[in-house]
Protein backbone atom coordinates (compact mmCIF):
# COMPACT_ATOMS: atom_id res chain seq x y z
CA MET A 1 -86.33 -32.42 55.68
CA ASN A 2 -85.95 -33.93 52.24
CA LEU A 3 -86.06 -30.53 50.52
CA LYS A 4 -83.06 -30.74 48.23
CA ARG A 5 -83.76 -29.38 44.76
CA PHE A 6 -82.51 -31.33 41.79
CA GLY A 7 -80.87 -29.85 38.74
CA VAL A 8 -82.47 -28.60 35.55
CA PRO A 9 -80.37 -30.92 33.29
CA ALA A 10 -82.43 -33.83 34.57
CA VAL A 11 -85.60 -32.12 33.43
CA ILE A 12 -84.09 -31.54 30.01
CA ALA A 13 -83.09 -35.20 29.75
CA VAL A 14 -86.55 -36.50 30.51
CA THR A 15 -88.15 -33.92 28.24
CA ALA A 16 -85.88 -35.03 25.42
CA ALA A 17 -86.83 -38.64 26.01
CA LEU A 18 -90.50 -37.77 25.89
CA ALA A 19 -89.97 -35.93 22.62
CA LEU A 20 -89.10 -39.27 21.04
CA SER A 21 -92.60 -40.43 21.96
CA SER A 22 -94.46 -37.79 19.96
CA CYS A 23 -96.19 -38.60 16.71
CA ALA A 24 -94.83 -37.29 13.42
CA SER A 25 -96.73 -34.32 12.05
CA ASN A 26 -99.28 -34.80 9.28
CA GLU A 27 -98.61 -32.60 6.26
CA GLY A 28 -101.25 -31.38 3.82
CA GLY A 29 -104.06 -33.56 5.13
CA ALA A 30 -102.35 -36.76 3.96
CA ALA A 31 -102.53 -39.99 5.94
CA PRO A 32 -100.61 -39.79 9.22
CA GLU A 33 -96.94 -40.67 8.96
CA GLU A 34 -95.55 -43.58 10.91
CA SER A 35 -94.99 -42.71 14.57
CA ALA A 36 -91.53 -41.48 15.46
CA SER A 37 -91.72 -43.30 18.79
CA THR A 38 -89.06 -45.93 19.41
CA LEU A 39 -90.75 -47.23 22.55
CA SER A 40 -92.37 -50.65 22.66
CA GLY A 41 -93.43 -53.21 25.22
CA ASN A 42 -95.94 -53.77 27.97
CA LEU A 43 -96.02 -51.87 31.27
CA VAL A 44 -98.02 -53.12 34.24
CA GLY A 45 -99.23 -50.95 37.10
CA ALA A 46 -101.70 -51.48 39.92
CA GLY A 47 -103.07 -49.62 42.91
CA ALA A 48 -105.08 -46.58 43.86
CA SER A 49 -108.61 -46.59 42.49
CA SER A 50 -108.65 -42.82 43.03
CA GLN A 51 -106.23 -42.54 40.10
CA ASP A 52 -108.45 -44.57 37.78
CA ALA A 53 -109.90 -41.69 35.74
CA ALA A 54 -106.51 -40.02 35.46
CA GLN A 55 -104.79 -43.29 34.57
CA GLN A 56 -107.29 -43.97 31.79
CA ALA A 57 -106.58 -40.54 30.34
CA TRP A 58 -102.81 -40.85 30.80
CA ILE A 59 -102.76 -44.29 29.19
CA ALA A 60 -104.82 -43.11 26.24
CA GLY A 61 -102.55 -40.13 25.63
CA PHE A 62 -99.33 -42.09 26.04
CA GLN A 63 -100.40 -45.02 23.89
CA THR A 64 -101.59 -42.70 21.13
CA ALA A 65 -98.12 -41.19 20.99
CA ASN A 66 -96.48 -44.60 21.38
CA PRO A 67 -98.58 -47.12 19.44
CA ASP A 68 -96.22 -50.04 20.14
CA VAL A 69 -96.70 -49.65 23.89
CA THR A 70 -99.41 -51.27 25.99
CA ILE A 71 -100.02 -50.09 29.55
CA ASP A 72 -102.27 -52.00 31.94
CA TYR A 73 -103.36 -50.38 35.21
CA ASP A 74 -105.47 -52.33 37.70
CA PRO A 75 -107.31 -49.94 40.09
CA SER A 76 -107.30 -52.59 42.80
CA GLY A 77 -106.79 -50.14 45.68
CA SER A 78 -103.70 -48.67 47.31
CA GLY A 79 -103.01 -51.54 49.68
CA ALA A 80 -103.30 -54.12 46.91
CA GLY A 81 -101.15 -51.97 44.65
CA ARG A 82 -98.33 -51.68 47.16
CA GLU A 83 -98.47 -55.43 47.79
CA THR A 84 -98.42 -56.16 44.06
CA PHE A 85 -95.38 -53.92 43.63
CA LEU A 86 -93.63 -55.53 46.60
CA GLU A 87 -94.20 -58.96 45.08
CA GLY A 88 -92.80 -57.86 41.74
CA ALA A 89 -96.04 -58.42 39.83
CA SER A 90 -96.13 -54.81 38.59
CA ASP A 91 -93.61 -52.36 37.17
CA PHE A 92 -95.02 -49.45 39.15
CA ALA A 93 -97.66 -48.81 41.79
CA GLY A 94 -100.25 -46.16 42.45
CA SER A 95 -100.86 -45.45 46.13
CA ASP A 96 -102.82 -42.87 48.09
CA ARG A 97 -100.11 -42.91 50.70
CA ALA A 98 -96.36 -43.26 50.56
CA PHE A 99 -94.64 -46.33 51.96
CA LYS A 100 -93.89 -45.97 55.67
CA ASP A 101 -90.31 -45.77 56.96
CA GLU A 102 -90.49 -49.27 58.42
CA GLU A 103 -91.88 -50.70 55.17
CA ILE A 104 -89.03 -49.20 53.19
CA ALA A 105 -86.48 -50.42 55.74
CA ALA A 106 -87.88 -53.96 55.45
CA GLY A 107 -87.19 -53.92 51.71
CA GLY A 108 -88.18 -56.93 49.65
CA PHE A 109 -89.21 -55.00 46.52
CA ALA A 110 -88.97 -57.89 44.09
CA LYS A 111 -88.58 -55.84 40.88
CA CYS A 112 -85.85 -53.68 42.36
CA ALA A 113 -82.13 -54.36 42.40
CA PRO A 114 -80.68 -55.42 45.77
CA ASP A 115 -80.26 -52.42 48.07
CA SER A 116 -82.14 -50.16 45.64
CA SER A 117 -84.26 -47.39 47.10
CA ILE A 118 -87.66 -46.52 45.68
CA ILE A 119 -88.93 -43.28 44.22
CA GLU A 120 -92.33 -41.92 45.24
CA LEU A 121 -93.78 -39.16 43.13
CA PRO A 122 -96.87 -37.14 44.24
CA LEU A 123 -98.28 -36.79 40.74
CA TYR A 124 -102.00 -37.01 41.52
CA VAL A 125 -103.30 -34.39 43.94
CA SER A 126 -107.01 -34.22 44.61
CA PRO A 127 -109.43 -33.20 47.33
CA ILE A 128 -111.34 -35.99 49.03
CA ALA A 129 -114.99 -35.01 48.86
CA VAL A 130 -117.32 -35.84 51.72
CA ILE A 131 -120.39 -36.91 49.76
CA PHE A 132 -123.95 -37.39 50.99
CA ASN A 133 -127.42 -38.20 49.71
CA LEU A 134 -130.06 -36.08 51.39
CA GLU A 135 -133.12 -35.00 49.43
CA GLY A 136 -133.24 -31.27 48.81
CA VAL A 137 -129.78 -30.57 50.28
CA ASP A 138 -126.82 -29.89 47.98
CA THR A 139 -124.18 -28.72 50.44
CA LEU A 140 -123.56 -28.65 54.19
CA ASN A 141 -121.13 -26.74 56.40
CA LEU A 142 -119.58 -29.00 59.03
CA GLU A 143 -117.13 -28.47 61.86
CA PRO A 144 -114.32 -31.05 62.06
CA ALA A 145 -115.71 -32.43 65.33
CA THR A 146 -119.17 -32.80 63.79
CA LEU A 147 -117.81 -34.64 60.79
CA ALA A 148 -115.75 -36.89 63.07
CA GLY A 149 -118.83 -37.56 65.22
CA ILE A 150 -120.86 -38.64 62.20
CA PHE A 151 -118.27 -41.19 61.09
CA ALA A 152 -117.52 -42.28 64.66
CA GLY A 153 -121.22 -43.02 65.17
CA THR A 154 -121.84 -40.53 67.97
CA ILE A 155 -123.95 -38.25 65.76
CA THR A 156 -126.65 -40.45 64.30
CA ASN A 157 -129.44 -38.25 62.96
CA TRP A 158 -129.43 -35.56 60.28
CA ASN A 159 -131.32 -33.05 62.45
CA ASP A 160 -128.72 -33.29 65.22
CA PRO A 161 -128.11 -29.84 66.82
CA ALA A 162 -124.41 -29.97 65.89
CA ILE A 163 -125.30 -30.16 62.20
CA ALA A 164 -128.11 -27.61 62.45
CA ALA A 165 -125.86 -25.10 64.25
CA THR A 166 -123.70 -24.49 61.16
CA ASN A 167 -126.43 -24.75 58.54
CA ASP A 168 -128.93 -21.94 59.10
CA GLY A 169 -131.80 -22.07 56.65
CA VAL A 170 -131.26 -25.70 55.70
CA THR A 171 -134.17 -28.05 56.37
CA LEU A 172 -132.66 -31.12 57.98
CA PRO A 173 -134.88 -34.21 58.15
CA ASP A 174 -135.48 -36.43 61.14
CA LEU A 175 -133.59 -39.24 59.43
CA ALA A 176 -130.93 -41.69 60.50
CA ILE A 177 -127.42 -41.10 59.15
CA THR A 178 -125.80 -44.07 57.40
CA PRO A 179 -122.03 -43.51 57.14
CA VAL A 180 -120.32 -45.47 54.36
CA HIS A 181 -116.64 -46.38 54.49
CA ARG A 182 -114.21 -48.42 52.39
CA SER A 183 -114.10 -52.17 53.06
CA ASP A 184 -110.65 -52.56 51.48
CA ASP A 185 -107.26 -51.31 52.62
CA SER A 186 -107.41 -47.85 51.11
CA GLY A 187 -105.14 -44.84 50.91
CA THR A 188 -108.25 -42.70 50.64
CA THR A 189 -109.35 -44.05 54.02
CA GLU A 190 -105.90 -43.40 55.45
CA ASN A 191 -105.95 -39.79 54.25
CA PHE A 192 -109.50 -39.25 55.51
CA THR A 193 -108.85 -40.75 58.94
CA ASP A 194 -105.58 -38.81 59.15
CA TYR A 195 -107.61 -35.62 58.76
CA LEU A 196 -110.18 -36.68 61.38
CA TYR A 197 -107.48 -37.63 63.90
CA ALA A 198 -105.54 -34.39 63.34
CA ALA A 199 -108.53 -32.01 63.24
CA ALA A 200 -110.82 -33.60 65.87
CA PRO A 201 -108.70 -35.81 68.15
CA ALA A 202 -111.14 -35.55 71.06
CA VAL A 203 -113.84 -37.20 68.94
CA TRP A 204 -111.86 -39.34 66.51
CA THR A 205 -109.44 -41.26 68.70
CA TRP A 206 -108.10 -43.70 66.11
CA GLU A 207 -104.83 -42.92 64.36
CA ALA A 208 -104.69 -42.81 60.57
CA ASP A 209 -105.04 -46.20 58.93
CA GLY A 210 -105.94 -47.56 55.51
CA VAL A 211 -108.26 -50.07 57.18
CA TRP A 212 -111.44 -48.70 58.78
CA PRO A 213 -110.81 -48.95 62.53
CA PHE A 214 -114.11 -50.35 63.81
CA GLU A 215 -117.29 -52.13 62.77
CA GLY A 216 -120.36 -50.04 62.12
CA GLY A 217 -121.99 -48.16 59.30
CA GLU A 218 -121.86 -49.61 55.81
CA ALA A 219 -118.72 -50.94 54.11
CA ALA A 220 -118.15 -50.85 50.34
CA GLN A 221 -115.35 -52.01 48.06
CA GLY A 222 -113.28 -49.34 46.36
CA THR A 223 -114.13 -45.79 45.35
CA SER A 224 -116.88 -46.97 43.03
CA GLY A 225 -118.46 -49.04 45.78
CA VAL A 226 -118.62 -46.09 48.18
CA VAL A 227 -120.05 -43.78 45.53
CA ASP A 228 -122.66 -46.38 44.54
CA ALA A 229 -123.64 -47.03 48.17
CA VAL A 230 -124.10 -43.31 48.89
CA THR A 231 -125.96 -42.74 45.61
CA ASN A 232 -128.34 -45.64 46.10
CA GLY A 233 -128.97 -45.06 49.79
CA THR A 234 -131.05 -42.60 51.75
CA GLY A 235 -129.43 -40.43 54.38
CA THR A 236 -126.04 -41.84 53.42
CA ILE A 237 -122.68 -40.10 53.75
CA GLY A 238 -119.24 -41.22 52.63
CA TYR A 239 -115.90 -40.05 51.30
CA ALA A 240 -114.34 -40.43 47.87
CA ASP A 241 -111.97 -38.83 45.44
CA ALA A 242 -113.63 -35.57 44.40
CA SER A 243 -113.60 -36.54 40.73
CA ARG A 244 -116.32 -39.06 41.59
CA ALA A 245 -118.64 -36.75 43.54
CA GLY A 246 -120.95 -36.22 40.57
CA ASP A 247 -124.36 -34.82 41.55
CA LEU A 248 -124.17 -35.92 45.18
CA GLY A 249 -124.27 -33.40 48.00
CA THR A 250 -120.88 -32.30 49.33
CA VAL A 251 -119.52 -30.88 52.58
CA ALA A 252 -117.62 -27.63 53.12
CA VAL A 253 -115.32 -28.10 56.13
CA LYS A 254 -114.41 -25.41 58.63
CA VAL A 255 -110.85 -24.09 58.35
CA GLY A 256 -110.04 -21.24 60.69
CA ASP A 257 -113.07 -18.95 60.57
CA GLU A 258 -114.47 -20.04 57.21
CA PHE A 259 -116.10 -23.06 55.62
CA VAL A 260 -114.13 -24.21 52.60
CA PRO A 261 -115.65 -26.37 49.85
CA TYR A 262 -113.40 -28.75 47.98
CA SER A 263 -111.65 -27.59 44.83
CA PRO A 264 -108.42 -28.48 43.02
CA GLU A 265 -107.01 -25.05 43.91
CA ALA A 266 -107.76 -25.47 47.62
CA ALA A 267 -106.18 -28.93 47.55
CA ALA A 268 -103.05 -27.67 45.81
CA SER A 269 -102.63 -24.88 48.36
CA ILE A 270 -102.22 -27.28 51.29
CA VAL A 271 -99.70 -29.40 49.37
CA ASP A 272 -97.58 -26.33 48.66
CA ALA A 273 -97.69 -25.40 52.36
CA SER A 274 -96.53 -28.85 53.56
CA PRO A 275 -92.95 -30.19 53.88
CA PHE A 276 -91.47 -33.42 52.58
CA VAL A 277 -91.09 -36.32 55.01
CA GLU A 278 -87.70 -36.15 56.68
CA GLY A 279 -84.97 -38.73 56.21
CA ARG A 280 -86.03 -40.10 52.83
CA ALA A 281 -83.71 -40.94 49.95
CA GLU A 282 -83.33 -38.51 47.08
CA GLY A 283 -86.18 -39.10 44.69
CA ASP A 284 -88.58 -40.13 47.45
CA LEU A 285 -90.90 -37.13 47.49
CA ALA A 286 -93.30 -38.21 50.23
CA ILE A 287 -95.16 -35.19 51.65
CA GLU A 288 -96.06 -34.57 55.31
CA LEU A 289 -99.47 -32.90 54.95
CA ASP A 290 -100.45 -30.18 57.42
CA ARG A 291 -104.07 -31.15 58.12
CA THR A 292 -104.61 -28.45 60.75
CA SER A 293 -103.63 -25.43 58.68
CA ASN A 294 -105.75 -22.33 59.28
CA GLU A 295 -104.68 -20.58 56.09
CA SER A 296 -107.53 -19.02 54.14
CA GLY A 297 -108.78 -21.09 51.23
CA VAL A 298 -107.04 -24.32 52.24
CA TYR A 299 -109.02 -27.56 51.95
CA PRO A 300 -107.40 -30.03 54.37
CA ILE A 301 -109.10 -33.30 53.35
CA VAL A 302 -106.74 -33.86 50.47
CA LEU A 303 -105.41 -36.95 48.84
CA VAL A 304 -101.87 -36.98 47.54
CA SER A 305 -101.56 -40.09 45.42
CA TYR A 306 -98.13 -41.38 44.50
CA LEU A 307 -96.60 -43.15 41.55
CA ILE A 308 -94.01 -45.55 42.94
CA ALA A 309 -91.13 -47.20 41.09
CA CYS A 310 -87.70 -48.67 41.72
CA GLN A 311 -84.77 -46.31 41.71
CA GLU A 312 -82.87 -49.22 40.15
CA TYR A 313 -84.57 -52.20 38.56
CA ALA A 314 -83.14 -55.71 38.80
CA GLU A 315 -83.84 -56.22 35.09
CA PRO A 316 -83.42 -53.35 32.60
CA ASP A 317 -86.12 -54.47 30.15
CA ASN A 318 -88.74 -51.81 30.93
CA VAL A 319 -86.60 -49.08 32.47
CA GLU A 320 -86.89 -46.62 29.57
CA LEU A 321 -90.61 -47.29 29.30
CA VAL A 322 -91.11 -46.69 33.03
CA LYS A 323 -89.16 -43.44 32.81
CA ALA A 324 -91.06 -42.24 29.74
CA TYR A 325 -94.50 -42.99 31.21
CA LEU A 326 -93.71 -41.44 34.59
CA GLY A 327 -92.25 -38.45 32.77
CA TYR A 328 -95.45 -38.04 30.76
CA MET A 329 -97.59 -38.13 33.91
CA ALA A 330 -95.34 -35.53 35.59
CA SER A 331 -95.19 -33.25 32.55
CA ALA A 332 -97.33 -30.14 32.22
CA GLU A 333 -99.26 -31.89 29.44
CA GLY A 334 -99.87 -34.97 31.56
CA GLN A 335 -100.99 -32.93 34.55
CA ASP A 336 -103.39 -30.95 32.39
CA VAL A 337 -104.82 -34.20 30.98
CA ALA A 338 -105.45 -35.46 34.52
CA ALA A 339 -107.00 -32.16 35.59
CA GLU A 340 -109.36 -32.18 32.60
CA ASN A 341 -110.44 -35.80 32.99
CA ALA A 342 -110.24 -36.34 36.75
CA GLY A 343 -110.53 -32.90 38.33
CA SER A 344 -107.12 -33.16 39.98
CA ALA A 345 -104.84 -30.26 40.88
CA PRO A 346 -101.77 -29.88 38.61
CA ILE A 347 -98.50 -29.97 40.51
CA THR A 348 -96.36 -26.84 40.65
CA ASP A 349 -93.34 -26.26 38.42
CA ALA A 350 -91.03 -26.58 41.44
CA LEU A 351 -92.42 -29.99 42.34
CA ARG A 352 -92.30 -31.05 38.68
CA GLU A 353 -88.58 -30.22 38.54
CA GLN A 354 -87.91 -32.49 41.49
CA ALA A 355 -90.11 -35.25 40.09
CA MET A 356 -88.41 -35.11 36.68
CA ALA A 357 -85.00 -35.35 38.31
CA ALA A 358 -86.09 -38.39 40.31
CA ILE A 359 -87.41 -40.02 37.14
CA ASP A 360 -84.18 -39.32 35.29
CA SER A 361 -82.25 -41.11 38.04
CA ILE A 362 -84.07 -44.40 37.47
CA LYS A 363 -81.85 -47.13 36.05
């Protein structure tokens, strides 16, 4: 397993670099002094729409501290983001899954130096909420097999006995279920189908994939599209980053002997209990999530979204800017900003140490 811990000096180095990005203090109520930041330039990122709210907050915070920097992030979806990064059209990517071993082996990362590895940092951790629109119902308890049956199309009505069995006292209408899935190649879809395949393999027989595996139900573009389709429908159910659940009904999933609703804390607990993917280069912190954990309080439908960059860039122009922005996102301040604005789960100090060391190694 890729469990090697990196040294504290790397953390200090990145922290020092970020200190250069802070604004000068304002004394006695006078006009703000000129920023002490020495950073300038334009940084381009693209990818996971699940990160959109966090990215907006991160960009606002970073650009306030570094007024000569412009950061553009296109929430085009994980698949599009990885492709954009491969083609060299972005400096970094956001993705709701890490690159696969075979994708890394194929190489071709246009921004990276020849033979450079990539770094993958799990800096956005969030539960995936199963959202639904059913009048008078705010929450439902569902077994993994029941949830899988709904999205597989074998459970088609809201008053199905499998749903009623775990929801005593809930009035379930005689109403058709309309499952909504992503139409684009989506890391959220890959994480959701990974859970269904791991937790209910007898019902959900398709392996994890970013592309929905069959026709049926309703398809919608991006996180916003799924949320809009569920919100504007009747008897609809879908899946989306929990930060976008809003006032929709949500599902508590059965883990062991209890039904666990989504929460940042429950999402963080399964990340801490899962190992890194074996055989990866140092700095590639891809996590192998344990979707079938029976630990109390664990919410297994979790999205670990990565920030992806070159370990070595072919051109050095934006290297310091990439390092500073990634370092801000990984910092305690950056994680708190994301938690406040997007409902994500802050990473642990141990994971931050490894992420900071990976960032410091970028050149």
